[in-house]
Structure formats: structure tokens, C-alpha cells
């Protein structure tokens, strides 16, 4: 089956019952997405598929043939961090780091949802053309990603610093 993972094409042969998470970890050796709960409750396995965030532990890999799959490894590296990765470092948005890849991928997917005008549970007017990324709005949209260390304030600060109050445009900053 044909996959596009972090911009690289791959032809893979595997059991069709394989989850996307297991495909990434066991067949592509991309260990950023974590197997936390394996039930879609913690968000540690969050990756982007065509810009949409998904829990890769719940998704069968065969569903995502020919889609653009992006993991944390595809966003930046030690020499050139993605601006959100740099903000996580700057604002102590991680402690043990286990949830961080899922948090970052989820935040990037959240920003795409904002651009498309997707409301959340706390959106006051679900028919509004856009939504302000208040702390309550951001926390609700990120509520599917858990952090056992409790680095939530740093995570919120990093997202606000990177994307601003409207969540539409990355802040003008250089990655570390």
C-alpha cells in the first residue's frame, strides 16, 4: 500500500488490521507518536492526516493510503525547530515530554479547525465566521490531549505565543 509520511512516499506491506500508530512506530520507526492508552482517550498518539488531527491508535492504517500523514518528526528537528516546538521549549510546555508530540500535532490541527470556522463546545456563537482563541476556547479544543505532568499553563502559553489570539497566523518569530 502507498503512503506519504512526512513528505516521503513509501510502499508498505502489512496486516490490514494494523493501526496507523503501529504502522508508524513498528514499520516506519517513527516513535514520536506515543501509545498511551490505546483507546483514544489521552491524545499521545495524535498525528495529522491531510492537516486534520486524529488519534492514530484508533485508525486503521489502510484508511489513510495516499493521504499526507504528518508526525512530530515531520515538523522540525534539532537544527530547525517548528515555531510551536520552539515555543514549547521557551514556555516549559513539557516536562517528561511523553505527551508533547501529540500536543503539538493537536495544536496544529486545532489551528486548521479555527481557519475552517469549526466551533467548539464553548464557542458562544456556533454560526460565527471565526473564533477568538481565548484560554477557555483553547483549553476546550485541546482537552483531548492529556498531560500527566500538568504542564497545561506552559502549553497554553506556547500555543498563544505561536498563533496569537485569533489562532489564524503564526506569530512572527524565528525558531530556535
Protein backbone atom coordinates (compact mmCIF):
# COMPACT_ATOMS: atom_id res chain seq x y z
CA UNK A 1 0.00 0.00 0.00
CA UNK A 2 1.14 3.52 -0.80
CA UNK A 3 1.64 6.09 1.96
CA UNK A 4 3.02 9.62 2.17
CA UNK A 5 4.53 10.06 5.62
CA UNK A 6 6.29 13.32 6.49
CA UNK A 7 6.58 14.10 2.78
CA UNK A 8 8.23 10.78 1.90
CA UNK A 9 6.46 8.18 -0.20
CA UNK A 10 6.52 4.57 0.95
CA UNK A 11 5.14 1.30 -0.34
CA UNK A 12 4.34 -0.87 2.66
CA UNK A 13 3.06 -4.39 3.11
CA UNK A 14 1.39 -5.15 6.45
CA UNK A 15 -1.59 -6.81 8.10
CA UNK A 16 -4.69 -4.73 7.17
CA UNK A 17 -5.75 -4.78 10.85
CA UNK A 18 -2.70 -2.67 11.78
CA UNK A 19 -3.45 0.67 13.41
CA UNK A 20 -1.89 3.79 11.95
CA UNK A 21 0.03 4.21 15.22
CA UNK A 22 1.54 0.73 14.95
CA UNK A 23 2.36 1.30 11.27
CA UNK A 24 4.24 4.49 12.16
CA UNK A 25 6.06 3.02 15.15
CA UNK A 26 6.70 -0.58 14.10
CA UNK A 27 7.02 -0.32 10.33
CA UNK A 28 8.45 3.21 9.86
CA UNK A 29 10.33 3.53 13.20
CA UNK A 30 8.74 6.91 13.90
CA UNK A 31 8.45 6.89 17.67
CA UNK A 32 7.18 10.44 18.29
CA UNK A 33 3.51 9.43 18.41
CA UNK A 34 3.14 7.50 21.65
CA UNK A 35 0.98 4.56 22.63
CA UNK A 36 -0.53 5.94 25.81
CA UNK A 37 -3.97 4.50 26.48
CA UNK A 38 -4.54 2.74 23.13
CA UNK A 39 -8.20 3.79 23.46
CA UNK A 40 -8.22 7.33 22.02
CA UNK A 41 -8.60 8.94 25.44
CA UNK A 42 -5.18 10.54 26.05
CA UNK A 43 -4.11 12.09 22.72
CA UNK A 44 -0.48 10.93 22.98
CA UNK A 45 -0.83 9.29 19.55
CA UNK A 46 -2.18 12.39 17.77
CA UNK A 47 -0.88 12.90 14.22
CA UNK A 48 -2.06 14.99 11.28
CA UNK A 49 -3.70 13.43 8.23
CA UNK A 50 -4.19 15.95 5.44
CA UNK A 51 -3.95 18.64 8.14
CA UNK A 52 -6.63 17.11 10.37
CA UNK A 53 -5.69 15.78 13.78
CA UNK A 54 -6.56 12.17 14.53
CA UNK A 55 -5.90 9.62 17.25
CA UNK A 56 -3.70 7.21 15.33
CA UNK A 57 -4.28 4.39 17.83
CA UNK A 58 -7.94 4.21 16.76
CA UNK A 59 -7.35 4.46 13.00
CA UNK A 60 -6.65 1.56 10.70
CA UNK A 61 -3.64 2.39 8.56
CA UNK A 62 -5.37 1.15 5.38
CA UNK A 63 -7.85 4.04 5.71
CA UNK A 64 -5.09 6.56 5.08
CA UNK A 65 -3.45 5.30 1.91
CA UNK A 66 -2.31 8.18 -0.31
CA UNK A 67 -3.05 10.75 2.43
CA UNK A 68 -0.43 13.19 3.73
CA UNK A 69 0.44 11.87 7.19
CA UNK A 70 2.50 14.19 9.39
CA UNK A 71 4.10 13.17 12.66
CA UNK A 72 6.20 15.27 15.02
CA UNK A 73 9.27 14.04 13.13
CA UNK A 74 7.97 15.79 10.01
CA UNK A 75 7.58 19.20 11.65
CA UNK A 76 11.10 20.10 12.66
CA UNK A 77 14.32 18.79 14.04
CA UNK A 78 17.08 19.74 16.45
CA UNK A 79 18.70 22.10 13.93
CA UNK A 80 15.47 23.85 12.89
CA UNK A 81 12.53 23.59 15.23
CA UNK A 82 8.98 24.32 14.13
CA UNK A 83 7.90 27.62 15.79
CA UNK A 84 5.49 25.74 18.05
CA UNK A 85 8.23 23.34 19.14
CA UNK A 86 10.44 26.32 20.00
CA UNK A 87 7.59 27.90 21.95
CA UNK A 88 7.08 24.68 23.93
CA UNK A 89 10.74 24.87 24.95
CA UNK A 90 10.56 28.58 25.75
CA UNK A 91 7.37 28.30 27.86
CA UNK A 92 8.14 24.96 29.55
CA UNK A 93 5.19 23.39 27.73
CA UNK A 94 6.54 19.95 28.55
CA UNK A 95 8.04 18.18 31.50
CA UNK A 96 8.57 14.49 30.82
CA UNK A 97 7.88 15.08 27.10
CA UNK A 98 5.73 11.98 26.62
CA UNK A 99 2.61 13.88 25.52
CA UNK A 100 4.45 16.70 23.76
CA UNK A 101 4.41 15.29 20.19
CA UNK A 102 0.66 14.69 20.43
CA UNK A 103 0.09 18.10 22.00
CA UNK A 104 1.98 19.84 19.19
CA UNK A 105 0.26 17.91 16.39
CA UNK A 106 -3.10 18.52 18.06
CA UNK A 107 -2.45 22.26 18.36
CA UNK A 108 -1.56 22.47 14.67
CA UNK A 109 -4.76 20.60 13.79
CA UNK A 110 -6.72 22.91 16.09
CA UNK A 111 -5.42 25.95 14.24
CA UNK A 112 -6.60 24.43 10.95
CA UNK A 113 -10.04 23.89 12.52
CA UNK A 114 -10.12 27.56 13.52
CA UNK A 115 -9.24 28.59 9.95
CA UNK A 116 -12.15 26.48 8.68
CA UNK A 117 -14.52 28.05 11.24
CA UNK A 118 -15.19 24.85 13.18
CA UNK A 119 -16.84 25.73 16.52
CA UNK A 120 -16.10 24.03 19.83
CA UNK A 121 -18.30 23.22 22.81
CA UNK A 122 -17.53 26.61 24.41
CA UNK A 123 -17.98 28.70 21.23
CA UNK A 124 -20.65 31.28 22.11
CA UNK A 125 -21.99 31.59 18.55
CA UNK A 126 -21.54 28.42 16.52
CA UNK A 127 -22.55 30.26 13.34
CA UNK A 128 -19.81 32.89 13.72
CA UNK A 129 -17.34 33.29 10.86
CA UNK A 130 -14.38 32.98 13.22
CA UNK A 131 -13.49 32.37 16.81
CA UNK A 132 -11.16 34.16 19.17
CA UNK A 133 -8.66 31.78 20.69
CA UNK A 134 -9.36 32.62 24.33
CA UNK A 135 -7.90 30.48 27.10
CA UNK A 136 -11.27 28.73 27.52
CA UNK A 137 -11.60 28.09 23.78
CA UNK A 138 -8.03 26.83 23.54
CA UNK A 139 -8.33 24.59 26.59
CA UNK A 140 -11.59 23.09 25.32
CA UNK A 141 -10.13 22.42 21.87
CA UNK A 142 -7.03 20.80 23.41
CA UNK A 143 -8.98 18.82 26.04
CA UNK A 144 -8.44 15.55 24.17
CA UNK A 145 -4.72 15.71 24.93
CA UNK A 146 -3.76 14.87 28.48
CA UNK A 147 -0.54 15.77 30.28
CA UNK A 148 0.18 13.72 33.39
CA UNK A 149 2.85 16.19 34.49
CA UNK A 150 0.43 19.14 34.47
CA UNK A 151 2.29 21.40 32.05
CA UNK A 152 -1.01 22.85 30.79
CA UNK A 153 -0.19 26.51 31.52
CA UNK A 154 3.04 26.27 29.53
CA UNK A 155 1.21 24.50 26.69
CA UNK A 156 -1.44 27.25 26.55
CA UNK A 157 1.24 29.97 26.65
CA UNK A 158 3.22 28.27 23.87
CA UNK A 159 0.17 28.00 21.62
CA UNK A 160 -0.85 31.62 22.25
CA UNK A 161 2.71 32.81 21.66
CA UNK A 162 2.91 30.95 18.36
CA UNK A 163 -0.54 31.63 16.92
CA UNK A 164 -1.84 34.72 18.70
CA UNK A 165 -5.37 35.40 19.90
CA UNK A 166 -7.05 34.63 16.59
CA UNK A 167 -5.13 31.40 16.03
CA UNK A 168 -5.01 32.09 12.32
CA UNK A 169 -1.46 33.17 11.68
CA UNK A 170 1.80 32.03 13.25
CA UNK A 171 3.41 34.79 15.25
CA UNK A 172 6.44 36.37 13.62
CA UNK A 173 9.20 34.55 15.40
CA UNK A 174 12.31 32.67 14.47
CA UNK A 175 12.59 29.05 15.50
CA UNK A 176 15.48 28.34 17.82
